[in-house]
Amino acid sequence: MSGSGSTNSIGVELPAKLSDFGLLRMSESSTLKSTRVMGTPGYVDPTYAQTRKATTASDVYSFGILILELITCKKAVLSVNNQPIHLRDWVSQQLHSSASLEDSSTEAPLEAPHELQASTDSLEVIDPRLAMPQPIAVRLLHLALSCTAMSLASRPSMMKLVLELETLRNECLAAQPSLV
């Protein structure tokens, strides 16, 4: 999946508006090999950039970046001290994680979502205008980080991702019936 920060936006009342996505076509072997790296900066899976092999894990990575954009209300590549920084790296820095994202972005949010706590560090990166309970927002943040894990094996499958998103949506609606 590739997208452009200029085609993904959040309106005044935070409705997400997504457009102009080019999904990767998958061949019979579930891998597409290209001779050059293609994609929008910030959304390109680093593994794809190195190997030039697009997999479903590449789509999961890009979708994780999109979730990070929505939950932080920041672009996929932002400027910090006049230097470009990828949103994934900025979130990692803000979380004061001494461990790598690979270690902290296991499938724990998918396996035991109710055990995650809303840490102060997690809440600092979440946009305060987000209309969802904080524990659910923190779980969504952890899900996005698991999608952007450097290790392909640490990323959830698209099926697990969809199931977790459905669970989070249902819990959010149950917690805030006015959203129905």
N, C-alpha and C. Protein backbone atom coordinates (compact mmCIF):
# COMPACT_ATOMS: atom_id res chain seq x y z
N MET A 1 0.85 -1.16 0.00
CA MET A 1 0.00 0.00 0.00
C MET A 1 0.90 1.22 0.00
N SER A 2 0.56 2.15 -0.78
CA SER A 2 1.29 3.40 -0.73
C SER A 2 0.28 4.52 -0.70
N GLY A 3 0.65 5.58 -0.06
CA GLY A 3 -0.24 6.72 0.00
C GLY A 3 0.57 7.97 0.12
N SER A 4 -0.05 9.07 -0.12
CA SER A 4 0.65 10.33 -0.03
C SER A 4 0.06 11.13 1.11
N GLY A 5 0.91 11.74 1.90
CA GLY A 5 0.45 12.55 3.00
C GLY A 5 -0.51 13.63 2.56
N SER A 6 -0.37 14.10 1.34
CA SER A 6 -1.27 15.14 0.86
C SER A 6 -2.63 14.58 0.46
N THR A 7 -2.75 13.26 0.33
CA THR A 7 -4.04 12.68 -0.03
C THR A 7 -4.71 12.03 1.16
N ASN A 8 -4.07 12.03 2.31
CA ASN A 8 -4.65 11.55 3.54
C ASN A 8 -4.81 12.76 4.43
N SER A 9 -6.02 13.03 4.85
CA SER A 9 -6.20 14.20 5.69
C SER A 9 -7.26 13.94 6.74
N ILE A 10 -7.26 14.79 7.72
CA ILE A 10 -8.25 14.72 8.77
C ILE A 10 -8.98 16.04 8.74
N GLY A 11 -10.29 15.99 8.65
CA GLY A 11 -11.09 17.20 8.58
C GLY A 11 -11.14 17.91 9.92
N VAL A 12 -11.84 19.03 9.96
CA VAL A 12 -11.92 19.85 11.17
C VAL A 12 -12.46 19.05 12.34
N GLU A 13 -13.48 18.23 12.12
CA GLU A 13 -14.04 17.43 13.20
C GLU A 13 -13.42 16.04 13.23
N LEU A 14 -12.24 15.88 12.64
CA LEU A 14 -11.43 14.67 12.60
C LEU A 14 -11.99 13.50 11.81
N PRO A 15 -12.88 13.71 10.82
CA PRO A 15 -13.21 12.55 10.00
C PRO A 15 -12.04 12.27 9.06
N ALA A 16 -11.61 11.04 9.00
CA ALA A 16 -10.48 10.69 8.13
C ALA A 16 -10.92 10.71 6.68
N LYS A 17 -10.07 11.25 5.83
CA LYS A 17 -10.33 11.30 4.39
C LYS A 17 -9.12 10.69 3.69
N LEU A 18 -9.32 9.54 3.09
CA LEU A 18 -8.23 8.83 2.43
C LEU A 18 -8.50 8.78 0.94
N SER A 19 -7.45 8.97 0.17
CA SER A 19 -7.60 8.88 -1.27
C SER A 19 -6.27 8.56 -1.91
N ASP A 20 -6.31 8.20 -3.19
CA ASP A 20 -5.12 8.00 -4.00
C ASP A 20 -4.17 6.95 -3.44
N PHE A 21 -4.71 5.78 -3.10
CA PHE A 21 -3.86 4.70 -2.64
C PHE A 21 -3.61 3.75 -3.79
N GLY A 22 -2.37 3.34 -3.94
CA GLY A 22 -2.02 2.34 -4.94
C GLY A 22 -1.66 1.07 -4.20
N LEU A 23 -2.53 0.08 -4.24
CA LEU A 23 -2.27 -1.18 -3.56
C LEU A 23 -1.31 -2.02 -4.39
N LEU A 24 -0.44 -2.72 -3.70
CA LEU A 24 0.51 -3.59 -4.38
C LEU A 24 -0.23 -4.79 -4.95
N ARG A 25 0.05 -5.12 -6.19
CA ARG A 25 -0.54 -6.32 -6.77
C ARG A 25 0.33 -7.49 -6.37
N MET A 26 -0.32 -8.57 -5.99
CA MET A 26 0.41 -9.73 -5.54
C MET A 26 0.39 -10.80 -6.64
N SER A 27 1.54 -11.38 -6.91
CA SER A 27 1.63 -12.45 -7.89
C SER A 27 1.30 -13.76 -7.20
N GLU A 28 1.38 -14.86 -7.94
CA GLU A 28 1.07 -16.16 -7.37
C GLU A 28 1.96 -16.48 -6.18
N SER A 29 3.17 -16.00 -6.16
CA SER A 29 4.09 -16.30 -5.07
C SER A 29 3.96 -15.30 -3.92
N SER A 30 2.97 -14.42 -3.98
CA SER A 30 2.74 -13.38 -2.96
C SER A 30 3.91 -12.41 -2.85
N THR A 31 4.74 -12.36 -3.87
CA THR A 31 5.86 -11.44 -3.87
C THR A 31 5.97 -10.80 -5.25
N LEU A 32 6.20 -9.52 -5.27
CA LEU A 32 6.39 -8.80 -6.52
C LEU A 32 7.78 -8.17 -6.45
N LYS A 33 8.62 -8.45 -7.44
CA LYS A 33 9.98 -7.91 -7.42
C LYS A 33 10.08 -6.77 -8.43
N SER A 34 10.67 -5.68 -7.99
CA SER A 34 10.84 -4.50 -8.83
C SER A 34 12.32 -4.18 -8.90
N THR A 35 12.71 -3.48 -9.94
CA THR A 35 14.11 -3.10 -10.05
C THR A 35 14.41 -1.79 -9.35
N ARG A 36 13.38 -1.05 -8.97
CA ARG A 36 13.60 0.18 -8.23
C ARG A 36 12.54 0.33 -7.15
N VAL A 37 12.89 1.00 -6.09
CA VAL A 37 11.97 1.20 -4.99
C VAL A 37 10.93 2.23 -5.40
N MET A 38 9.68 1.87 -5.22
CA MET A 38 8.59 2.77 -5.56
C MET A 38 7.70 2.91 -4.33
N GLY A 39 7.19 4.09 -4.12
CA GLY A 39 6.30 4.32 -3.00
C GLY A 39 6.46 5.72 -2.47
N THR A 40 5.55 6.09 -1.62
CA THR A 40 5.57 7.42 -1.04
C THR A 40 6.46 7.43 0.20
N PRO A 41 7.38 8.39 0.30
CA PRO A 41 8.25 8.46 1.48
C PRO A 41 7.43 8.47 2.78
N GLY A 42 7.90 7.70 3.73
CA GLY A 42 7.21 7.60 5.00
C GLY A 42 6.32 6.38 5.09
N TYR A 43 5.83 5.92 3.96
CA TYR A 43 4.94 4.76 3.93
C TYR A 43 5.66 3.50 3.47
N VAL A 44 6.81 3.65 2.85
CA VAL A 44 7.52 2.51 2.27
C VAL A 44 8.14 1.66 3.37
N ASP A 45 7.83 0.39 3.32
CA ASP A 45 8.39 -0.59 4.25
C ASP A 45 9.91 -0.64 4.06
N PRO A 46 10.69 -0.44 5.13
CA PRO A 46 12.15 -0.48 4.99
C PRO A 46 12.66 -1.80 4.41
N THR A 47 11.99 -2.91 4.72
CA THR A 47 12.40 -4.20 4.17
C THR A 47 12.20 -4.22 2.67
N TYR A 48 11.09 -3.66 2.21
CA TYR A 48 10.84 -3.56 0.77
C TYR A 48 11.88 -2.66 0.12
N ALA A 49 12.23 -1.57 0.77
CA ALA A 49 13.22 -0.64 0.21
C ALA A 49 14.57 -1.34 0.03
N GLN A 50 14.90 -2.27 0.93
CA GLN A 50 16.18 -2.99 0.84
C GLN A 50 16.13 -4.14 -0.14
N THR A 51 15.05 -4.93 -0.10
CA THR A 51 14.99 -6.16 -0.90
C THR A 51 14.28 -6.00 -2.23
N ARG A 52 13.50 -4.93 -2.36
CA ARG A 52 12.67 -4.69 -3.54
C ARG A 52 11.65 -5.80 -3.76
N LYS A 53 11.29 -6.49 -2.68
CA LYS A 53 10.27 -7.53 -2.73
C LYS A 53 9.07 -7.05 -1.92
N ALA A 54 7.97 -6.84 -2.60
CA ALA A 54 6.75 -6.40 -1.93
C ALA A 54 5.97 -7.62 -1.44
N THR A 55 5.59 -7.60 -0.19
CA THR A 55 4.82 -8.69 0.40
C THR A 55 3.60 -8.09 1.10
N THR A 56 2.74 -8.96 1.59
CA THR A 56 1.61 -8.45 2.37
C THR A 56 2.10 -7.76 3.63
N ALA A 57 3.26 -8.15 4.14
CA ALA A 57 3.84 -7.48 5.31
C ALA A 57 4.19 -6.02 4.97
N SER A 58 4.50 -5.76 3.71
CA SER A 58 4.76 -4.38 3.28
C SER A 58 3.49 -3.55 3.38
N ASP A 59 2.36 -4.15 3.01
CA ASP A 59 1.08 -3.46 3.14
C ASP A 59 0.74 -3.22 4.61
N VAL A 60 1.02 -4.20 5.45
CA VAL A 60 0.76 -4.05 6.89
C VAL A 60 1.57 -2.89 7.44
N TYR A 61 2.84 -2.79 7.03
CA TYR A 61 3.69 -1.68 7.48
C TYR A 61 3.07 -0.34 7.08
N SER A 62 2.71 -0.20 5.82
CA SER A 62 2.14 1.06 5.33
C SER A 62 0.84 1.40 6.05
N PHE A 63 0.02 0.38 6.31
CA PHE A 63 -1.23 0.60 7.04
C PHE A 63 -0.93 1.04 8.47
N GLY A 64 0.10 0.48 9.08
CA GLY A 64 0.51 0.90 10.42
C GLY A 64 0.90 2.36 10.46
N ILE A 65 1.60 2.82 9.42
CA ILE A 65 1.96 4.24 9.34
C ILE A 65 0.70 5.09 9.24
N LEU A 66 -0.26 4.64 8.46
CA LEU A 66 -1.52 5.37 8.33
C LEU A 66 -2.23 5.47 9.69
N ILE A 67 -2.25 4.37 10.44
CA ILE A 67 -2.86 4.40 11.77
C ILE A 67 -2.12 5.39 12.66
N LEU A 68 -0.78 5.38 12.60
CA LEU A 68 0.00 6.34 13.40
C LEU A 68 -0.35 7.77 13.02
N GLU A 69 -0.53 8.03 11.72
CA GLU A 69 -0.92 9.37 11.28
C GLU A 69 -2.25 9.78 11.89
N LEU A 70 -3.20 8.87 11.85
CA LEU A 70 -4.54 9.18 12.35
C LEU A 70 -4.56 9.38 13.86
N ILE A 71 -3.81 8.57 14.58
CA ILE A 71 -3.86 8.65 16.04
C ILE A 71 -3.01 9.79 16.60
N THR A 72 -1.97 10.20 15.87
CA THR A 72 -1.12 11.31 16.34
C THR A 72 -1.49 12.63 15.67
N CYS A 73 -2.20 12.56 14.56
CA CYS A 73 -2.55 13.74 13.74
C CYS A 73 -1.27 14.41 13.21
N LYS A 74 -0.30 13.57 12.85
CA LYS A 74 0.96 14.04 12.28
C LYS A 74 1.19 13.33 10.95
N LYS A 75 2.02 13.93 10.10
CA LYS A 75 2.32 13.36 8.79
C LYS A 75 3.31 12.20 8.91
N ALA A 76 3.34 11.37 7.87
CA ALA A 76 4.23 10.20 7.85
C ALA A 76 5.69 10.60 7.95
N VAL A 77 6.05 11.74 7.40
CA VAL A 77 7.39 12.31 7.56
C VAL A 77 7.19 13.73 8.07
N LEU A 78 7.74 14.02 9.23
CA LEU A 78 7.58 15.35 9.80
C LEU A 78 8.93 16.00 9.99
N SER A 79 8.91 17.28 10.28
CA SER A 79 10.15 18.03 10.47
C SER A 79 10.34 18.33 11.95
N VAL A 80 11.48 17.92 12.46
CA VAL A 80 11.85 18.20 13.85
C VAL A 80 13.21 18.88 13.80
N ASN A 81 13.28 20.10 14.32
CA ASN A 81 14.51 20.90 14.25
C ASN A 81 15.02 21.01 12.81
N ASN A 82 14.10 21.25 11.89
CA ASN A 82 14.39 21.38 10.47
C ASN A 82 15.00 20.13 9.85
N GLN A 83 14.81 18.99 10.48
CA GLN A 83 15.29 17.71 9.95
C GLN A 83 14.10 16.79 9.74
N PRO A 84 14.05 16.09 8.60
CA PRO A 84 12.95 15.15 8.38
C PRO A 84 13.10 13.93 9.30
N ILE A 85 11.99 13.49 9.84
CA ILE A 85 11.99 12.28 10.67
C ILE A 85 10.73 11.50 10.36
N HIS A 86 10.88 10.19 10.24
CA HIS A 86 9.73 9.33 9.98
C HIS A 86 8.87 9.27 11.23
N LEU A 87 7.57 9.26 11.03
CA LEU A 87 6.63 9.26 12.14
C LEU A 87 6.88 8.10 13.10
N ARG A 88 7.17 6.93 12.56
CA ARG A 88 7.45 5.75 13.38
C ARG A 88 8.62 6.04 14.33
N ASP A 89 9.67 6.67 13.82
CA ASP A 89 10.83 6.99 14.65
C ASP A 89 10.50 8.06 15.68
N TRP A 90 9.70 9.06 15.28
CA TRP A 90 9.29 10.12 16.21
C TRP A 90 8.49 9.54 17.36
N VAL A 91 7.53 8.65 17.04
CA VAL A 91 6.73 8.02 18.09
C VAL A 91 7.63 7.24 19.03
N SER A 92 8.58 6.50 18.47
CA SER A 92 9.52 5.73 19.29
C SER A 92 10.29 6.64 20.23
N GLN A 93 10.79 7.75 19.71
CA GLN A 93 11.53 8.70 20.55
C GLN A 93 10.65 9.27 21.65
N GLN A 94 9.40 9.59 21.31
CA GLN A 94 8.49 10.16 22.29
C GLN A 94 8.13 9.17 23.39
N LEU A 95 8.13 7.91 23.06
CA LEU A 95 7.80 6.88 24.05
C LEU A 95 8.97 6.56 24.97
N HIS A 96 10.11 7.21 24.73
CA HIS A 96 11.31 7.01 25.55
C HIS A 96 11.66 5.54 25.69
N SER A 97 11.50 4.83 24.59
CA SER A 97 11.77 3.40 24.59
C SER A 97 13.26 3.15 24.49
N SER A 98 13.82 2.50 25.49
CA SER A 98 15.24 2.15 25.43
C SER A 98 15.43 0.89 24.59
N ALA A 99 14.34 0.12 24.45
CA ALA A 99 14.41 -1.06 23.60
C ALA A 99 14.05 -0.66 22.18
N SER A 100 14.43 -1.46 21.23
CA SER A 100 14.08 -1.17 19.84
C SER A 100 12.59 -1.37 19.63
N LEU A 101 12.05 -0.76 18.59
CA LEU A 101 10.64 -0.96 18.27
C LEU A 101 10.38 -2.43 17.98
N GLU A 102 11.37 -3.10 17.45
CA GLU A 102 11.19 -4.51 17.14
C GLU A 102 10.88 -5.29 18.41
N ASP A 103 11.57 -4.96 19.50
CA ASP A 103 11.34 -5.65 20.76
C ASP A 103 10.04 -5.22 21.40
N SER A 104 9.69 -3.94 21.31
CA SER A 104 8.49 -3.45 21.98
C SER A 104 7.25 -3.59 21.13
N SER A 105 7.40 -3.98 19.88
CA SER A 105 6.25 -4.09 18.99
C SER A 105 5.96 -5.54 18.64
N THR A 106 5.85 -6.34 19.66
CA THR A 106 5.50 -7.73 19.42
C THR A 106 4.01 -7.82 19.19
N GLU A 107 3.51 -9.02 19.09
CA GLU A 107 2.09 -9.19 18.86
C GLU A 107 1.30 -9.11 20.16
N ALA A 108 1.90 -8.63 21.24
CA ALA A 108 1.19 -8.52 22.51
C ALA A 108 -0.13 -7.77 22.39
N PRO A 109 -0.21 -6.66 21.63
CA PRO A 109 -1.50 -5.99 21.53
C PRO A 109 -2.57 -6.88 20.92
N LEU A 110 -2.15 -7.83 20.09
CA LEU A 110 -3.12 -8.71 19.47
C LEU A 110 -3.46 -9.89 20.37
N GLU A 111 -2.49 -10.36 21.14
CA GLU A 111 -2.70 -11.54 21.97
C GLU A 111 -3.34 -11.21 23.31
N ALA A 112 -2.95 -10.08 23.92
CA ALA A 112 -3.47 -9.72 25.24
C ALA A 112 -3.78 -8.24 25.31
N PRO A 113 -4.74 -7.78 24.51
CA PRO A 113 -4.99 -6.34 24.43
C PRO A 113 -5.48 -5.73 25.73
N HIS A 114 -6.14 -6.50 26.58
CA HIS A 114 -6.70 -5.93 27.80
C HIS A 114 -5.64 -5.68 28.87
N GLU A 115 -4.43 -6.20 28.67
CA GLU A 115 -3.37 -6.03 29.66
C GLU A 115 -2.58 -4.75 29.46
N LEU A 116 -2.77 -4.06 28.34
CA LEU A 116 -2.03 -2.82 28.09
C LEU A 116 -2.58 -1.70 28.94
N GLN A 117 -1.71 -0.90 29.49
CA GLN A 117 -2.11 0.23 30.31
C GLN A 117 -1.82 1.53 29.57
N ALA A 118 -2.60 2.54 29.85
CA ALA A 118 -2.40 3.86 29.23
C ALA A 118 -1.27 4.57 29.94
N SER A 119 -0.05 4.35 29.47
CA SER A 119 1.10 5.00 30.09
C SER A 119 1.12 6.48 29.72
N THR A 120 1.76 7.27 30.56
CA THR A 120 1.87 8.70 30.31
C THR A 120 2.57 8.95 28.98
N ASP A 121 3.64 8.20 28.70
CA ASP A 121 4.37 8.38 27.45
C ASP A 121 3.48 8.10 26.24
N SER A 122 2.68 7.04 26.30
CA SER A 122 1.79 6.71 25.19
C SER A 122 0.78 7.82 24.96
N LEU A 123 0.24 8.36 26.05
CA LEU A 123 -0.78 9.40 25.92
C LEU A 123 -0.22 10.69 25.34
N GLU A 124 1.08 10.93 25.50
CA GLU A 124 1.69 12.15 24.96
C GLU A 124 1.72 12.17 23.44
N VAL A 125 1.77 11.03 22.79
CA VAL A 125 1.83 11.00 21.33
C VAL A 125 0.45 10.93 20.70
N ILE A 126 -0.56 10.59 21.48
CA ILE A 126 -1.92 10.47 20.96
C ILE A 126 -2.58 11.85 20.92
N ASP A 127 -3.14 12.21 19.78
CA ASP A 127 -3.80 13.51 19.64
C ASP A 127 -4.96 13.59 20.64
N PRO A 128 -5.00 14.65 21.46
CA PRO A 128 -6.04 14.76 22.49
C PRO A 128 -7.45 14.92 21.92
N ARG A 129 -7.56 15.27 20.65
CA ARG A 129 -8.88 15.43 20.03
C ARG A 129 -9.49 14.11 19.58
N LEU A 130 -8.72 13.03 19.70
CA LEU A 130 -9.19 11.73 19.27
C LEU A 130 -10.40 11.33 20.12
N ALA A 131 -11.49 11.03 19.46
CA ALA A 131 -12.75 10.74 20.17
C ALA A 131 -12.87 9.25 20.48
N MET A 132 -12.01 8.78 21.38
CA MET A 132 -12.12 7.39 21.84
C MET A 132 -11.51 7.30 23.23
N PRO A 133 -11.96 6.33 24.02
CA PRO A 133 -11.40 6.17 25.36
C PRO A 133 -9.88 5.95 25.30
N GLN A 134 -9.17 6.53 26.27
CA GLN A 134 -7.70 6.45 26.26
C GLN A 134 -7.16 5.03 26.21
N PRO A 135 -7.71 4.07 26.98
CA PRO A 135 -7.15 2.71 26.89
C PRO A 135 -7.25 2.12 25.48
N ILE A 136 -8.32 2.44 24.78
CA ILE A 136 -8.48 1.94 23.41
C ILE A 136 -7.50 2.64 22.48
N ALA A 137 -7.30 3.95 22.68
CA ALA A 137 -6.34 4.70 21.87
C ALA A 137 -4.93 4.15 22.07
N VAL A 138 -4.58 3.81 23.30
CA VAL A 138 -3.25 3.25 23.58
C VAL A 138 -3.10 1.90 22.89
N ARG A 139 -4.14 1.08 22.93
CA ARG A 139 -4.08 -0.22 22.25
C ARG A 139 -3.95 -0.04 20.74
N LEU A 140 -4.63 0.97 20.20
CA LEU A 140 -4.51 1.26 18.77
C LEU A 140 -3.09 1.71 18.43
N LEU A 141 -2.49 2.52 19.30
CA LEU A 141 -1.10 2.94 19.12
C LEU A 141 -0.17 1.73 19.10
N HIS A 142 -0.35 0.83 20.06
CA HIS A 142 0.49 -0.37 20.11
C HIS A 142 0.26 -1.27 18.89
N LEU A 143 -0.97 -1.32 18.41
CA LEU A 143 -1.26 -2.09 17.20
C LEU A 143 -0.52 -1.49 16.01
N ALA A 144 -0.55 -0.17 15.89
CA ALA A 144 0.16 0.50 14.79
C ALA A 144 1.66 0.23 14.88
N LEU A 145 2.20 0.26 16.09
CA LEU A 145 3.63 -0.02 16.25
C LEU A 145 3.96 -1.46 15.89
N SER A 146 3.06 -2.39 16.22
CA SER A 146 3.32 -3.79 15.84
C SER A 146 3.29 -3.93 14.31
N CYS A 147 2.46 -3.15 13.64
CA CYS A 147 2.41 -3.19 12.17
C CYS A 147 3.70 -2.68 11.55
N THR A 148 4.39 -1.78 12.25
CA THR A 148 5.61 -1.17 11.71
C THR A 148 6.88 -1.77 12.30
N ALA A 149 6.75 -2.93 12.92
CA ALA A 149 7.94 -3.61 13.45
C ALA A 149 8.93 -3.88 12.32
N MET A 150 10.21 -3.77 12.62
CA MET A 150 11.23 -4.00 11.59
C MET A 150 11.26 -5.46 11.16
N SER A 151 11.02 -6.36 12.08
CA SER A 151 10.99 -7.78 11.75
C SER A 151 9.65 -8.13 11.11
N LEU A 152 9.69 -8.68 9.91
CA LEU A 152 8.46 -9.07 9.23
C LEU A 152 7.66 -10.06 10.06
N ALA A 153 8.35 -10.96 10.74
CA ALA A 153 7.68 -11.97 11.55
C ALA A 153 6.96 -11.37 12.75
N SER A 154 7.38 -10.19 13.19
CA SER A 154 6.74 -9.54 14.33
C SER A 154 5.48 -8.77 13.95
N ARG A 155 5.28 -8.55 12.67
CA ARG A 155 4.09 -7.83 12.22
C ARG A 155 2.89 -8.76 12.21
N PRO A 156 1.72 -8.23 12.57
CA PRO A 156 0.53 -9.08 12.51
C PRO A 156 0.15 -9.37 11.06
N SER A 157 -0.55 -10.45 10.87
CA SER A 157 -1.10 -10.71 9.53
C SER A 157 -2.24 -9.72 9.31
N MET A 158 -2.62 -9.55 8.07
CA MET A 158 -3.73 -8.64 7.78
C MET A 158 -5.00 -9.15 8.45
N MET A 159 -5.18 -10.46 8.53
CA MET A 159 -6.37 -11.03 9.19
C MET A 159 -6.38 -10.67 10.68
N LYS A 160 -5.25 -10.83 11.36
CA LYS A 160 -5.18 -10.46 12.78
C LYS A 160 -5.41 -8.97 12.96
N LEU A 161 -4.88 -8.19 12.05
CA LEU A 161 -5.04 -6.74 12.10
C LEU A 161 -6.52 -6.36 11.99
N VAL A 162 -7.21 -6.95 11.04
CA VAL A 162 -8.64 -6.67 10.86
C VAL A 162 -9.43 -7.09 12.09
N LEU A 163 -9.13 -8.27 12.62
CA LEU A 163 -9.84 -8.74 13.82
C LEU A 163 -9.63 -7.81 15.00
N GLU A 164 -8.40 -7.36 15.20
CA GLU A 164 -8.12 -6.45 16.31
C GLU A 164 -8.79 -5.10 16.10
N LEU A 165 -8.79 -4.59 14.88
CA LEU A 165 -9.47 -3.32 14.60
C LEU A 165 -10.97 -3.44 14.84
N GLU A 166 -11.56 -4.57 14.46
CA GLU A 166 -12.99 -4.78 14.73
C GLU A 166 -13.26 -4.82 16.22
N THR A 167 -12.40 -5.49 16.97
CA THR A 167 -12.55 -5.55 18.42
C THR A 167 -12.46 -4.16 19.03
N LEU A 168 -11.47 -3.38 18.61
CA LEU A 168 -11.31 -2.02 19.13
C LEU A 168 -12.51 -1.15 18.76
N ARG A 169 -13.00 -1.29 17.54
CA ARG A 169 -14.18 -0.52 17.12
C ARG A 169 -15.38 -0.86 18.00
N ASN A 170 -15.62 -2.15 18.20
CA ASN A 170 -16.77 -2.57 19.02
C ASN A 170 -16.65 -2.08 20.45
N GLU A 171 -15.45 -2.15 21.02
CA GLU A 171 -15.25 -1.67 22.39
C GLU A 171 -15.43 -0.16 22.47
N CYS A 172 -14.98 0.54 21.46
CA CYS A 172 -15.13 2.00 21.42
C CYS A 172 -16.61 2.37 21.34
N LEU A 173 -17.35 1.68 20.49
CA LEU A 173 -18.78 1.96 20.36
C LEU A 173 -19.53 1.61 21.64
N ALA A 174 -19.13 0.52 22.30
CA ALA A 174 -19.77 0.14 23.56
C ALA A 174 -19.48 1.16 24.66
N ALA A 175 -18.27 1.73 24.64
CA ALA A 175 -17.88 2.71 25.66
C ALA A 175 -18.50 4.07 25.40
N GLN A 176 -18.79 4.35 24.14
CA GLN A 176 -19.35 5.66 23.78
C GLN A 176 -20.55 5.45 22.85
N PRO A 177 -21.71 5.09 23.41
CA PRO A 177 -22.88 4.80 22.57
C PRO A 177 -23.30 5.97 21.69
N SER A 178 -22.91 7.19 22.03
CA SER A 178 -23.27 8.35 21.22
C SER A 178 -22.60 8.32 19.85
N LEU A 179 -21.57 7.49 19.68
CA LEU A 179 -20.87 7.40 18.40
C LEU A 179 -21.61 6.51 17.41
N VAL A 180 -22.59 5.72 17.89
CA VAL A 180 -23.29 4.77 17.03
C VAL A 180 -24.13 5.47 16.03
